[in-house]
Amino acid sequence: IVSNYDYIEISATGKADSFLSMLETLATAVA
């Protein structure tokens, strides 16, 4: 996670077959 004067950005990478797990984890935390 990067935060500066202009924005907050969450960057995540993972295995291709973990795409749904990544989305669900990120959505729960951000939304």
Full PDB file with SEQRES, HELIX, SHEET, SSBOND, CRYST1, ORIGX, SCALE, CONECT and MASTER records, all heavy atoms in Angstrom:
SEQRES   1 A   31  ILE VAL SER ASN TYR ASP TYR ILE GLU ILE SER ALA THR          
SEQRES   2 A   31  GLY LYS ALA ASP SER PHE LEU SER MET LEU GLU THR LEU          
SEQRES   3 A   31  ALA THR ALA VAL ALA                                          
HELIX    1 AA1 ALA A   16  SER A   18  5                                   3    
HELIX    2 AA2 PHE A   19  VAL A   30  1                                  12    
SHEET    1 AA1 2 VAL A   2  SER A   3  0                                        
SHEET    2 AA1 2 ILE A   8  GLU A   9 -1                                        
CRYST1    1.000    1.000    1.000  90.00  90.00  90.00 P 1           1          
ORIGX1      1.000000  0.000000  0.000000        0.00000                         
ORIGX2      0.000000  1.000000  0.000000        0.00000                         
ORIGX3      0.000000  0.000000  1.000000        0.00000                         
SCALE1      1.000000  0.000000  0.000000        0.00000                         
SCALE2      0.000000  1.000000  0.000000        0.00000                         
SCALE3      0.000000  0.000000  1.000000        0.00000                         
ATOM      1  N   ILE A   1       0.857  -1.187   0.000  1.00  0.00           N  
ATOM      2  CA  ILE A   1       0.000   0.000   0.000  1.00  0.00           C  
ATOM      3  C   ILE A   1       0.890   1.234   0.000  1.00  0.00           C  
ATOM      4  O   ILE A   1       1.823   1.336   0.800  1.00  0.00           O  
ATOM      5  CB  ILE A   1      -0.930   0.035   1.222  1.00  0.00           C  
ATOM      6  CG1 ILE A   1      -1.774  -1.241   1.292  1.00  0.00           C  
ATOM      7  CG2 ILE A   1      -1.847   1.257   1.170  1.00  0.00           C  
ATOM      8  CD1 ILE A   1      -2.653  -1.325   2.507  1.00  0.00           C  
ATOM      9  N   VAL A   2       0.598   2.152  -0.911  1.00  0.00           N  
ATOM     10  CA  VAL A   2       1.337   3.407  -1.009  1.00  0.00           C  
ATOM     11  C   VAL A   2       0.361   4.552  -0.807  1.00  0.00           C  
ATOM     12  O   VAL A   2      -0.742   4.556  -1.365  1.00  0.00           O  
ATOM     13  CB  VAL A   2       2.017   3.548  -2.390  1.00  0.00           C  
ATOM     14  CG1 VAL A   2       2.629   4.936  -2.548  1.00  0.00           C  
ATOM     15  CG2 VAL A   2       3.087   2.473  -2.576  1.00  0.00           C  
ATOM     16  N   SER A   3       0.770   5.525   0.001  1.00  0.00           N  
ATOM     17  CA  SER A   3      -0.049   6.717   0.212  1.00  0.00           C  
ATOM     18  C   SER A   3       0.833   7.951   0.042  1.00  0.00           C  
ATOM     19  O   SER A   3       1.930   8.007   0.599  1.00  0.00           O  
ATOM     20  CB  SER A   3      -0.675   6.699   1.610  1.00  0.00           C  
ATOM     21  OG  SER A   3      -1.406   7.883   1.853  1.00  0.00           O  
ATOM     22  N   ASN A   4       0.390   8.908  -0.747  1.00  0.00           N  
ATOM     23  CA  ASN A   4       1.144  10.148  -0.925  1.00  0.00           C  
ATOM     24  C   ASN A   4       0.182  11.327  -1.032  1.00  0.00           C  
ATOM     25  O   ASN A   4      -1.008  11.183  -0.730  1.00  0.00           O  
ATOM     26  CB  ASN A   4       2.077  10.048  -2.139  1.00  0.00           C  
ATOM     27  CG  ASN A   4       1.332   9.701  -3.424  1.00  0.00           C  
ATOM     28  OD1 ASN A   4       0.207  10.134  -3.640  1.00  0.00           O  
ATOM     29  ND2 ASN A   4       1.957   8.892  -4.271  1.00  0.00           N  
ATOM     30  N   TYR A   5       0.678  12.480  -1.450  1.00  0.00           N  
ATOM     31  CA  TYR A   5      -0.188  13.652  -1.537  1.00  0.00           C  
ATOM     32  C   TYR A   5      -1.347  13.445  -2.512  1.00  0.00           C  
ATOM     33  O   TYR A   5      -2.425  14.012  -2.342  1.00  0.00           O  
ATOM     34  CB  TYR A   5       0.611  14.872  -2.005  1.00  0.00           C  
ATOM     35  CG  TYR A   5       1.477  15.506  -0.949  1.00  0.00           C  
ATOM     36  CD1 TYR A   5       2.865  15.559  -1.108  1.00  0.00           C  
ATOM     37  CD2 TYR A   5       0.933  16.076   0.198  1.00  0.00           C  
ATOM     38  CE1 TYR A   5       3.677  16.148  -0.146  1.00  0.00           C  
ATOM     39  CE2 TYR A   5       1.730  16.669   1.161  1.00  0.00           C  
ATOM     40  CZ  TYR A   5       3.104  16.704   0.984  1.00  0.00           C  
ATOM     41  OH  TYR A   5       3.909  17.286   1.938  1.00  0.00           O  
ATOM     42  N   ASP A   6      -1.146  12.629  -3.556  1.00  0.00           N  
ATOM     43  CA  ASP A   6      -2.091  12.554  -4.661  1.00  0.00           C  
ATOM     44  C   ASP A   6      -3.045  11.370  -4.615  1.00  0.00           C  
ATOM     45  O   ASP A   6      -4.137  11.444  -5.172  1.00  0.00           O  
ATOM     46  CB  ASP A   6      -1.332  12.512  -5.991  1.00  0.00           C  
ATOM     47  CG  ASP A   6      -0.460  13.744  -6.192  1.00  0.00           C  
ATOM     48  OD1 ASP A   6      -0.899  14.838  -5.780  1.00  0.00           O  
ATOM     49  OD2 ASP A   6       0.646  13.617  -6.749  1.00  0.00           O  
ATOM     50  N   TYR A   7      -2.649  10.273  -4.000  1.00  0.00           N  
ATOM     51  CA  TYR A   7      -3.501   9.085  -4.044  1.00  0.00           C  
ATOM     52  C   TYR A   7      -3.108   8.058  -2.985  1.00  0.00           C  
ATOM     53  O   TYR A   7      -2.041   8.144  -2.361  1.00  0.00           O  
ATOM     54  CB  TYR A   7      -3.455   8.423  -5.428  1.00  0.00           C  
ATOM     55  CG  TYR A   7      -2.069   7.998  -5.876  1.00  0.00           C  
ATOM     56  CD1 TYR A   7      -1.488   6.814  -5.424  1.00  0.00           C  
ATOM     57  CD2 TYR A   7      -1.343   8.769  -6.790  1.00  0.00           C  
ATOM     58  CE1 TYR A   7      -0.230   6.414  -5.846  1.00  0.00           C  
ATOM     59  CE2 TYR A   7      -0.082   8.392  -7.214  1.00  0.00           C  
ATOM     60  CZ  TYR A   7       0.468   7.210  -6.751  1.00  0.00           C  
ATOM     61  OH  TYR A   7       1.720   6.824  -7.168  1.00  0.00           O  
ATOM     62  N   ILE A   8      -4.003   7.078  -2.812  1.00  0.00           N  
ATOM     63  CA  ILE A   8      -3.716   5.857  -2.061  1.00  0.00           C  
ATOM     64  C   ILE A   8      -3.810   4.720  -3.070  1.00  0.00           C  
ATOM     65  O   ILE A   8      -4.763   4.646  -3.842  1.00  0.00           O  
ATOM     66  CB  ILE A   8      -4.728   5.635  -0.927  1.00  0.00           C  
ATOM     67  CG1 ILE A   8      -4.631   6.746   0.119  1.00  0.00           C  
ATOM     68  CG2 ILE A   8      -4.513   4.271  -0.265  1.00  0.00           C  
ATOM     69  CD1 ILE A   8      -5.751   6.699   1.167  1.00  0.00           C  
ATOM     70  N   GLU A   9      -2.818   3.840  -3.074  1.00  0.00           N  
ATOM     71  CA  GLU A   9      -2.833   2.742  -4.045  1.00  0.00           C  
ATOM     72  C   GLU A   9      -2.514   1.419  -3.366  1.00  0.00           C  
ATOM     73  O   GLU A   9      -1.528   1.294  -2.643  1.00  0.00           O  
ATOM     74  CB  GLU A   9      -1.832   2.992  -5.171  1.00  0.00           C  
ATOM     75  CG  GLU A   9      -1.828   1.912  -6.247  1.00  0.00           C  
ATOM     76  CD  GLU A   9      -0.922   2.260  -7.410  1.00  0.00           C  
ATOM     77  OE1 GLU A   9      -1.337   3.108  -8.236  1.00  0.00           O  
ATOM     78  OE2 GLU A   9       0.195   1.707  -7.492  1.00  0.00           O  
ATOM     79  N   ILE A  10      -3.367   0.434  -3.613  1.00  0.00           N  
ATOM     80  CA  ILE A  10      -3.153  -0.929  -3.123  1.00  0.00           C  
ATOM     81  C   ILE A  10      -2.702  -1.763  -4.308  1.00  0.00           C  
ATOM     82  O   ILE A  10      -3.383  -1.804  -5.347  1.00  0.00           O  
ATOM     83  CB  ILE A  10      -4.436  -1.528  -2.514  1.00  0.00           C  
ATOM     84  CG1 ILE A  10      -4.903  -0.699  -1.315  1.00  0.00           C  
ATOM     85  CG2 ILE A  10      -4.211  -2.964  -2.092  1.00  0.00           C  
ATOM     86  CD1 ILE A  10      -5.989   0.277  -1.623  1.00  0.00           C  
ATOM     87  N   SER A  11      -1.556  -2.424  -4.190  1.00  0.00           N  
ATOM     88  CA  SER A  11      -1.016  -3.256  -5.266  1.00  0.00           C  
ATOM     89  C   SER A  11      -0.902  -4.686  -4.773  1.00  0.00           C  
ATOM     90  O   SER A  11      -0.271  -4.948  -3.745  1.00  0.00           O  
ATOM     91  CB  SER A  11       0.366  -2.760  -5.705  1.00  0.00           C  
ATOM     92  OG  SER A  11       0.313  -1.431  -6.168  1.00  0.00           O  
ATOM     93  N   ALA A  12      -1.503  -5.613  -5.511  1.00  0.00           N  
ATOM     94  CA  ALA A  12      -1.472  -7.023  -5.130  1.00  0.00           C  
ATOM     95  C   ALA A  12      -1.112  -7.884  -6.337  1.00  0.00           C  
ATOM     96  O   ALA A  12      -1.522  -7.599  -7.465  1.00  0.00           O  
ATOM     97  CB  ALA A  12      -2.824  -7.453  -4.578  1.00  0.00           C  
ATOM     98  N   THR A  13      -0.329  -8.938  -6.092  1.00  0.00           N  
ATOM     99  CA  THR A  13      -0.034  -9.925  -7.123  1.00  0.00           C  
ATOM    100  C   THR A  13      -0.262 -11.314  -6.536  1.00  0.00           C  
ATOM    101  O   THR A  13      -0.221 -11.506  -5.317  1.00  0.00           O  
ATOM    102  CB  THR A  13       1.427  -9.831  -7.615  1.00  0.00           C  
ATOM    103  OG1 THR A  13       2.316 -10.122  -6.511  1.00  0.00           O  
ATOM    104  CG2 THR A  13       1.740  -8.439  -8.148  1.00  0.00           C  
ATOM    105  N   GLY A  14      -0.507 -12.267  -7.410  1.00  0.00           N  
ATOM    106  CA  GLY A  14      -0.716 -13.627  -6.942  1.00  0.00           C  
ATOM    107  C   GLY A  14      -0.811 -14.595  -8.100  1.00  0.00           C  
ATOM    108  O   GLY A  14      -0.781 -14.197  -9.277  1.00  0.00           O  
ATOM    109  N   LYS A  15      -0.923 -15.883  -7.791  1.00  0.00           N  
ATOM    110  CA  LYS A  15      -1.076 -16.908  -8.807  1.00  0.00           C  
ATOM    111  C   LYS A  15      -2.366 -16.662  -9.589  1.00  0.00           C  
ATOM    112  O   LYS A  15      -3.367 -16.193  -9.050  1.00  0.00           O  
ATOM    113  CB  LYS A  15      -1.128 -18.292  -8.160  1.00  0.00           C  
ATOM    114  CG  LYS A  15       0.136 -18.703  -7.414  1.00  0.00           C  
ATOM    115  CD  LYS A  15      -0.025 -20.074  -6.777  1.00  0.00           C  
ATOM    116  CE  LYS A  15      -1.088 -20.065  -5.689  1.00  0.00           C  
ATOM    117  NZ  LYS A  15      -1.179 -21.388  -4.996  1.00  0.00           N  
ATOM    118  N   ALA A  16      -2.333 -17.013 -10.870  1.00  0.00           N  
ATOM    119  CA  ALA A  16      -3.496 -16.775 -11.719  1.00  0.00           C  
ATOM    120  C   ALA A  16      -4.731 -17.511 -11.205  1.00  0.00           C  
ATOM    121  O   ALA A  16      -5.848 -16.990 -11.282  1.00  0.00           O  
ATOM    122  CB  ALA A  16      -3.185 -17.185 -13.159  1.00  0.00           C  
ATOM    123  N   ASP A  17      -4.540 -18.719 -10.645  1.00  0.00           N  
ATOM    124  CA  ASP A  17      -5.704 -19.471 -10.166  1.00  0.00           C  
ATOM    125  C   ASP A  17      -6.216 -18.970  -8.818  1.00  0.00           C  
ATOM    126  O   ASP A  17      -7.177 -19.502  -8.267  1.00  0.00           O  
ATOM    127  CB  ASP A  17      -5.397 -20.965 -10.107  1.00  0.00           C  
ATOM    128  CG  ASP A  17      -4.223 -21.301  -9.188  1.00  0.00           C  
ATOM    129  OD1 ASP A  17      -3.725 -20.387  -8.505  1.00  0.00           O  
ATOM    130  OD2 ASP A  17      -3.816 -22.473  -9.158  1.00  0.00           O  
ATOM    131  N   SER A  18      -5.557 -17.930  -8.284  1.00  0.00           N  
ATOM    132  CA  SER A  18      -6.003 -17.328  -7.022  1.00  0.00           C  
ATOM    133  C   SER A  18      -6.724 -15.998  -7.246  1.00  0.00           C  
ATOM    134  O   SER A  18      -6.936 -15.236  -6.304  1.00  0.00           O  
ATOM    135  CB  SER A  18      -4.802 -17.101  -6.094  1.00  0.00           C  
ATOM    136  OG  SER A  18      -4.140 -18.297  -5.812  1.00  0.00           O  
ATOM    137  N   PHE A  19      -7.099 -15.743  -8.481  1.00  0.00           N  
ATOM    138  CA  PHE A  19      -7.692 -14.449  -8.843  1.00  0.00           C  
ATOM    139  C   PHE A  19      -8.918 -14.114  -7.988  1.00  0.00           C  
ATOM    140  O   PHE A  19      -9.046 -13.008  -7.464  1.00  0.00           O  
ATOM    141  CB  PHE A  19      -8.057 -14.455 -10.328  1.00  0.00           C  
ATOM    142  CG  PHE A  19      -8.657 -13.174 -10.823  1.00  0.00           C  
ATOM    143  CD1 PHE A  19      -7.952 -11.979 -10.734  1.00  0.00           C  
ATOM    144  CD2 PHE A  19      -9.924 -13.154 -11.369  1.00  0.00           C  
ATOM    145  CE1 PHE A  19      -8.506 -10.788 -11.194  1.00  0.00           C  
ATOM    146  CE2 PHE A  19     -10.494 -11.971 -11.834  1.00  0.00           C  
ATOM    147  CZ  PHE A  19      -9.778 -10.787 -11.747  1.00  0.00           C  
ATOM    148  N   LEU A  20      -9.806 -15.089  -7.819  1.00  0.00           N  
ATOM    149  CA  LEU A  20     -11.024 -14.820  -7.049  1.00  0.00           C  
ATOM    150  C   LEU A  20     -10.718 -14.532  -5.586  1.00  0.00           C  
ATOM    151  O   LEU A  20     -11.325 -13.646  -4.975  1.00  0.00           O  
ATOM    152  CB  LEU A  20     -11.985 -16.015  -7.155  1.00  0.00           C  
ATOM    153  CG  LEU A  20     -12.747 -16.167  -8.473  1.00  0.00           C  
ATOM    154  CD1 LEU A  20     -13.650 -17.384  -8.419  1.00  0.00           C  
ATOM    155  CD2 LEU A  20     -13.570 -14.921  -8.779  1.00  0.00           C  
ATOM    156  N   SER A  21      -9.772 -15.274  -5.026  1.00  0.00           N  
ATOM    157  CA  SER A  21      -9.388 -15.029  -3.628  1.00  0.00           C  
ATOM    158  C   SER A  21      -8.816 -13.633  -3.463  1.00  0.00           C  
ATOM    159  O   SER A  21      -9.091 -12.937  -2.468  1.00  0.00           O  
ATOM    160  CB  SER A  21      -8.362 -16.068  -3.175  1.00  0.00           C  
ATOM    161  OG  SER A  21      -8.927 -17.354  -3.147  1.00  0.00           O  
ATOM    162  N   MET A  22      -8.016 -13.196  -4.444  1.00  0.00           N  
ATOM    163  CA  MET A  22      -7.440 -11.856  -4.401  1.00  0.00           C  
ATOM    164  C   MET A  22      -8.539 -10.803  -4.431  1.00  0.00           C  
ATOM    165  O   MET A  22      -8.564  -9.876  -3.612  1.00  0.00           O  
ATOM    166  CB  MET A  22      -6.478 -11.659  -5.567  1.00  0.00           C  
ATOM    167  CG  MET A  22      -5.221 -12.499  -5.515  1.00  0.00           C  
ATOM    168  SD  MET A  22      -4.239 -12.350  -7.031  1.00  0.00           S  
ATOM    169  CE  MET A  22      -3.775 -10.608  -6.977  1.00  0.00           C  
ATOM    170  N   LEU A  23      -9.462 -10.952  -5.380  1.00  0.00           N  
ATOM    171  CA  LEU A  23     -10.537  -9.969  -5.513  1.00  0.00           C  
ATOM    172  C   LEU A  23     -11.385  -9.881  -4.250  1.00  0.00           C  
ATOM    173  O   LEU A  23     -11.701  -8.791  -3.773  1.00  0.00           O  
ATOM    174  CB  LEU A  23     -11.432 -10.337  -6.700  1.00  0.00           C  
ATOM    175  CG  LEU A  23     -11.039  -9.865  -8.089  1.00  0.00           C  
ATOM    176  CD1 LEU A  23     -12.099 -10.283  -9.091  1.00  0.00           C  
ATOM    177  CD2 LEU A  23     -10.811  -8.358  -8.142  1.00  0.00           C  
ATOM    178  N   GLU A  24     -11.754 -11.035  -3.712  1.00  0.00           N  
ATOM    179  CA  GLU A  24     -12.602 -11.039  -2.525  1.00  0.00           C  
ATOM    180  C   GLU A  24     -11.898 -10.385  -1.339  1.00  0.00           C  
ATOM    181  O   GLU A  24     -12.500  -9.584  -0.609  1.00  0.00           O  
ATOM    182  CB  GLU A  24     -12.990 -12.473  -2.171  1.00  0.00           C  
ATOM    183  CG  GLU A  24     -13.951 -12.556  -0.991  1.00  0.00           C  
ATOM    184  CD  GLU A  24     -14.382 -13.971  -0.689  1.00  0.00           C  
ATOM    185  OE1 GLU A  24     -13.772 -14.921  -1.230  1.00  0.00           O  
ATOM    186  OE2 GLU A  24     -15.342 -14.133   0.088  1.00  0.00           O  
ATOM    187  N   THR A  25     -10.610 -10.701  -1.162  1.00  0.00           N  
ATOM    188  CA  THR A  25      -9.850 -10.123  -0.043  1.00  0.00           C  
ATOM    189  C   THR A  25      -9.724  -8.616  -0.192  1.00  0.00           C  
ATOM    190  O   THR A  25      -9.917  -7.862   0.775  1.00  0.00           O  
ATOM    191  CB  THR A  25      -8.439 -10.760   0.016  1.00  0.00           C  
ATOM    192  OG1 THR A  25      -8.577 -12.178   0.154  1.00  0.00           O  
ATOM    193  CG2 THR A  25      -7.657 -10.205   1.198  1.00  0.00           C  
ATOM    194  N   LEU A  26      -9.409  -8.171  -1.395  1.00  0.00           N  
ATOM    195  CA  LEU A  26      -9.242  -6.733  -1.631  1.00  0.00           C  
ATOM    196  C   LEU A  26     -10.565  -5.989  -1.484  1.00  0.00           C  
ATOM    197  O   LEU A  26     -10.620  -4.912  -0.879  1.00  0.00           O  
ATOM    198  CB  LEU A  26      -8.647  -6.497  -3.027  1.00  0.00           C  
ATOM    199  CG  LEU A  26      -7.217  -6.985  -3.243  1.00  0.00           C  
ATOM    200  CD1 LEU A  26      -6.836  -6.888  -4.719  1.00  0.00           C  
ATOM    201  CD2 LEU A  26      -6.234  -6.170  -2.398  1.00  0.00           C  
ATOM    202  N   ALA A  27     -11.623  -6.550  -2.025  1.00  0.00           N  
ATOM    203  CA  ALA A  27     -12.931  -5.885  -1.963  1.00  0.00           C  
ATOM    204  C   ALA A  27     -13.402  -5.746  -0.528  1.00  0.00           C  
ATOM    205  O   ALA A  27     -13.922  -4.688  -0.133  1.00  0.00           O  
ATOM    206  CB  ALA A  27     -13.949  -6.670  -2.786  1.00  0.00           C  
ATOM    207  N   THR A  28     -13.240  -6.784   0.271  1.00  0.00           N  
ATOM    208  CA  THR A  28     -13.670  -6.728   1.671  1.00  0.00           C  
ATOM    209  C   THR A  28     -12.927  -5.632   2.427  1.00  0.00           C  
ATOM    210  O   THR A  28     -13.526  -4.886   3.210  1.00  0.00           O  
ATOM    211  CB  THR A  28     -13.421  -8.081   2.354  1.00  0.00           C  
ATOM    212  OG1 THR A  28     -14.157  -9.102   1.663  1.00  0.00           O  
ATOM    213  CG2 THR A  28     -13.869  -8.047   3.814  1.00  0.00           C  
ATOM    214  N   ALA A  29     -11.622  -5.523   2.164  1.00  0.00           N  
ATOM    215  CA  ALA A  29     -10.804  -4.550   2.901  1.00  0.00           C  
ATOM    216  C   ALA A  29     -11.035  -3.122   2.434  1.00  0.00           C  
ATOM    217  O   ALA A  29     -11.074  -2.192   3.247  1.00  0.00           O  
ATOM    218  CB  ALA A  29      -9.327  -4.910   2.747  1.00  0.00           C  
ATOM    219  N   VAL A  30     -11.201  -2.942   1.133  1.00  0.00           N  
ATOM    220  CA  VAL A  30     -11.289  -1.584   0.579  1.00  0.00           C  
ATOM    221  C   VAL A  30     -12.712  -1.035   0.649  1.00  0.00           C  
ATOM    222  O   VAL A  30     -12.927   0.123   1.013  1.00  0.00           O  
ATOM    223  CB  VAL A  30     -10.779  -1.562  -0.880  1.00  0.00           C  
ATOM    224  CG1 VAL A  30     -11.000  -0.195  -1.504  1.00  0.00           C  
ATOM    225  CG2 VAL A  30      -9.309  -1.946  -0.943  1.00  0.00           C  
ATOM    226  N   ALA A  31     -13.674  -1.848   0.277  1.00  0.00           N  
ATOM    227  CA  ALA A  31     -15.050  -1.360   0.201  1.00  0.00           C  
ATOM    228  C   ALA A  31     -15.715  -1.240   1.566  1.00  0.00           C  
ATOM    229  O   ALA A  31     -16.631  -0.437   1.746  1.00  0.00           O  
ATOM    230  CB  ALA A  31     -15.876  -2.288  -0.693  1.00  0.00           C  
TER     231      ALA A  31                                                      
MASTER        0    0    0    2    2    0    0    6  230    1    0    3          
END                                                                             
